[in-house]
Every structure is written in C-alpha cells, then in structure tokens.
C-alpha cells in the first residue's frame, strides 16, 4: 500500500509562483507527485505525494521539495486509514 503525504509549503515572499512551477517540474526517483496547488492562507503551495514507503516519501520531501530555491519551510501531513 502506498504512503500518501501532503506537503504544506511556505515560500519566500514573491516566490510562490516560481516554487509551484519548480515543484511541478520535479521528476522524483522516490515518490510520485500527484498534485501541486497554489493556495491562500498560512501556506503557499500544497503538494500531494505518494511513495512505496515512508523512507522514500521522506527523501522526496527533503531532497526534491524542501531543497528548492524559494522554499522557506515545509510541514508534512501523512494520510492514515482509520477505518
């Protein structure tokens, strides 16, 4: 079963569009980027990722998303099955 994570991205001022575009263009060896949305509120971009395991998801977040120019901070929410 795939692990799904939602990465809430805060960008540097004025960099939201560039960061969203950069994330859309990422080809990750660790996870599949399912969606990238620019949003309003306390976060600037939300990224939906899926990976085969938690380690691969973590590598995608730290190496492919959080390291991009203009990314100031990320917060990750993991999807869980409670039913």
C-alpha atoms as a PDB file:
ATOM      1  CA  UNK A   1       0.000   0.000   0.000  1.00  0.00           C
ATOM      2  CA  UNK A   2       1.345   3.413  -0.952  1.00  0.00           C
ATOM      3  CA  UNK A   3       2.058   6.091   1.633  1.00  0.00           C
ATOM      4  CA  UNK A   4       0.422   9.427   0.850  1.00  0.00           C
ATOM      5  CA  UNK A   5       1.651  12.730   2.201  1.00  0.00           C
ATOM      6  CA  UNK A   6       0.523  16.307   1.869  1.00  0.00           C
ATOM      7  CA  UNK A   7       3.406  18.774   1.996  1.00  0.00           C
ATOM      8  CA  UNK A   8       2.384  22.269   3.070  1.00  0.00           C
ATOM      9  CA  UNK A   9       4.967  24.665   1.670  1.00  0.00           C
ATOM     10  CA  UNK A  10       5.770  28.168   2.844  1.00  0.00           C
ATOM     11  CA  UNK A  11       7.727  30.166   0.280  1.00  0.00           C
ATOM     12  CA  UNK A  12       9.864  33.267   0.413  1.00  0.00           C
ATOM     13  CA  UNK A  13       7.912  36.445  -0.323  1.00  0.00           C
ATOM     14  CA  UNK A  14       7.250  36.771  -4.035  1.00  0.00           C
ATOM     15  CA  UNK A  15       8.423  33.246  -4.883  1.00  0.00           C
ATOM     16  CA  UNK A  16       5.152  31.299  -4.706  1.00  0.00           C
ATOM     17  CA  UNK A  17       4.588  31.007  -8.454  1.00  0.00           C
ATOM     18  CA  UNK A  18       8.213  30.048  -9.143  1.00  0.00           C
ATOM     19  CA  UNK A  19       8.199  27.429  -6.384  1.00  0.00           C
ATOM     20  CA  UNK A  20       4.908  25.932  -7.612  1.00  0.00           C
ATOM     21  CA  UNK A  21       6.287  25.698 -11.141  1.00  0.00           C
ATOM     22  CA  UNK A  22       9.550  24.177  -9.929  1.00  0.00           C
ATOM     23  CA  UNK A  23       7.706  21.504  -7.944  1.00  0.00           C
ATOM     24  CA  UNK A  24       5.512  20.672 -10.963  1.00  0.00           C
ATOM     25  CA  UNK A  25       8.704  20.113 -12.975  1.00  0.00           C
ATOM     26  CA  UNK A  26      10.350  17.797 -10.420  1.00  0.00           C
ATOM     27  CA  UNK A  27      10.917  14.213 -11.504  1.00  0.00           C
ATOM     28  CA  UNK A  28      11.477  12.345  -8.265  1.00  0.00           C
ATOM     29  CA  UNK A  29      13.097   8.933  -8.055  1.00  0.00           C
ATOM     30  CA  UNK A  30      11.490   8.473  -4.624  1.00  0.00           C
ATOM     31  CA  UNK A  31       7.810   9.406  -4.958  1.00  0.00           C
ATOM     32  CA  UNK A  32       5.065  10.298  -7.385  1.00  0.00           C
ATOM     33  CA  UNK A  33       3.915  13.905  -7.350  1.00  0.00           C
ATOM     34  CA  UNK A  34       0.144  13.583  -7.618  1.00  0.00           C
ATOM     35  CA  UNK A  35      -0.891  17.251  -7.357  1.00  0.00           C
ATOM     36  CA  UNK A  36       0.602  20.689  -6.823  1.00  0.00           C
ATOM     37  CA  UNK A  37      -1.758  23.501  -5.828  1.00  0.00           C
ATOM     38  CA  UNK A  38      -1.061  27.141  -5.081  1.00  0.00           C
ATOM     39  CA  UNK A  39      -3.323  28.138  -2.203  1.00  0.00           C
ATOM     40  CA  UNK A  40      -4.246  31.051   0.032  1.00  0.00           C
ATOM     41  CA  UNK A  41      -3.858  31.106   3.798  1.00  0.00           C
ATOM     42  CA  UNK A  42      -0.865  30.341   6.003  1.00  0.00           C
ATOM     43  CA  UNK A  43       0.721  28.100   3.340  1.00  0.00           C
ATOM     44  CA  UNK A  44       1.529  28.963  -0.255  1.00  0.00           C
ATOM     45  CA  UNK A  45       1.688  25.609  -2.045  1.00  0.00           C
ATOM     46  CA  UNK A  46       0.309  22.172  -1.181  1.00  0.00           C
ATOM     47  CA  UNK A  47       1.901  19.111  -2.752  1.00  0.00           C
ATOM     48  CA  UNK A  48       0.349  15.641  -2.717  1.00  0.00           C
ATOM     49  CA  UNK A  49       2.938  12.850  -2.896  1.00  0.00           C
ATOM     50  CA  UNK A  50       2.711   9.061  -2.946  1.00  0.00           C
ATOM     51  CA  UNK A  51       5.584   6.682  -2.263  1.00  0.00           C
ATOM     52  CA  UNK A  52       6.095   2.982  -1.673  1.00  0.00           C
ATOM     53  CA  UNK A  53       7.238   3.535   1.921  1.00  0.00           C
ATOM     54  CA  UNK A  54       7.817   6.252   4.494  1.00  0.00           C
ATOM     55  CA  UNK A  55      11.564   6.457   3.880  1.00  0.00           C
ATOM     56  CA  UNK A  56      11.084   7.132   0.177  1.00  0.00           C
ATOM     57  CA  UNK A  57       8.427   9.728   0.957  1.00  0.00           C
ATOM     58  CA  UNK A  58      10.812  11.452   3.373  1.00  0.00           C
ATOM     59  CA  UNK A  59      13.589  11.518   0.784  1.00  0.00           C
ATOM     60  CA  UNK A  60      11.244  13.041  -1.797  1.00  0.00           C
ATOM     61  CA  UNK A  61      10.230  15.745   0.657  1.00  0.00           C
ATOM     62  CA  UNK A  62      13.728  16.641   1.829  1.00  0.00           C
ATOM     63  CA  UNK A  63      15.649  16.173  -1.412  1.00  0.00           C
ATOM     64  CA  UNK A  64      13.085  17.094  -4.069  1.00  0.00           C
ATOM     65  CA  UNK A  65      10.765  19.662  -2.458  1.00  0.00           C
ATOM     66  CA  UNK A  66      12.308  21.307   0.604  1.00  0.00           C
ATOM     67  CA  UNK A  67      15.646  21.894  -1.135  1.00  0.00           C
ATOM     68  CA  UNK A  68      14.191  24.001  -3.961  1.00  0.00           C
ATOM     69  CA  UNK A  69      15.122  27.677  -4.159  1.00  0.00           C
ATOM     70  CA  UNK A  70      12.430  29.812  -2.589  1.00  0.00           C
ATOM     71  CA  UNK A  71      11.105  27.149  -0.198  1.00  0.00           C
ATOM     72  CA  UNK A  72      11.259  28.565   3.295  1.00  0.00           C
ATOM     73  CA  UNK A  73       9.598  25.788   5.329  1.00  0.00           C
ATOM     74  CA  UNK A  74       7.582  22.606   4.855  1.00  0.00           C
ATOM     75  CA  UNK A  75       5.067  20.815   7.048  1.00  0.00           C
ATOM     76  CA  UNK A  76       4.052  17.277   6.149  1.00  0.00           C
ATOM     77  CA  UNK A  77       0.719  15.630   6.924  1.00  0.00           C
ATOM     78  CA  UNK A  78       0.512  11.862   6.391  1.00  0.00           C
ATOM     79  CA  UNK A  79      -2.697  10.271   5.207  1.00  0.00           C
ATOM     80  CA  UNK A  80      -3.940   7.498   7.514  1.00  0.00           C
ATOM     81  CA  UNK A  81      -6.643   4.864   7.148  1.00  0.00           C
ATOM     82  CA  UNK A  82      -8.756   4.887  10.294  1.00  0.00           C
ATOM     83  CA  UNK A  83     -11.483   2.589   9.010  1.00  0.00           C
END
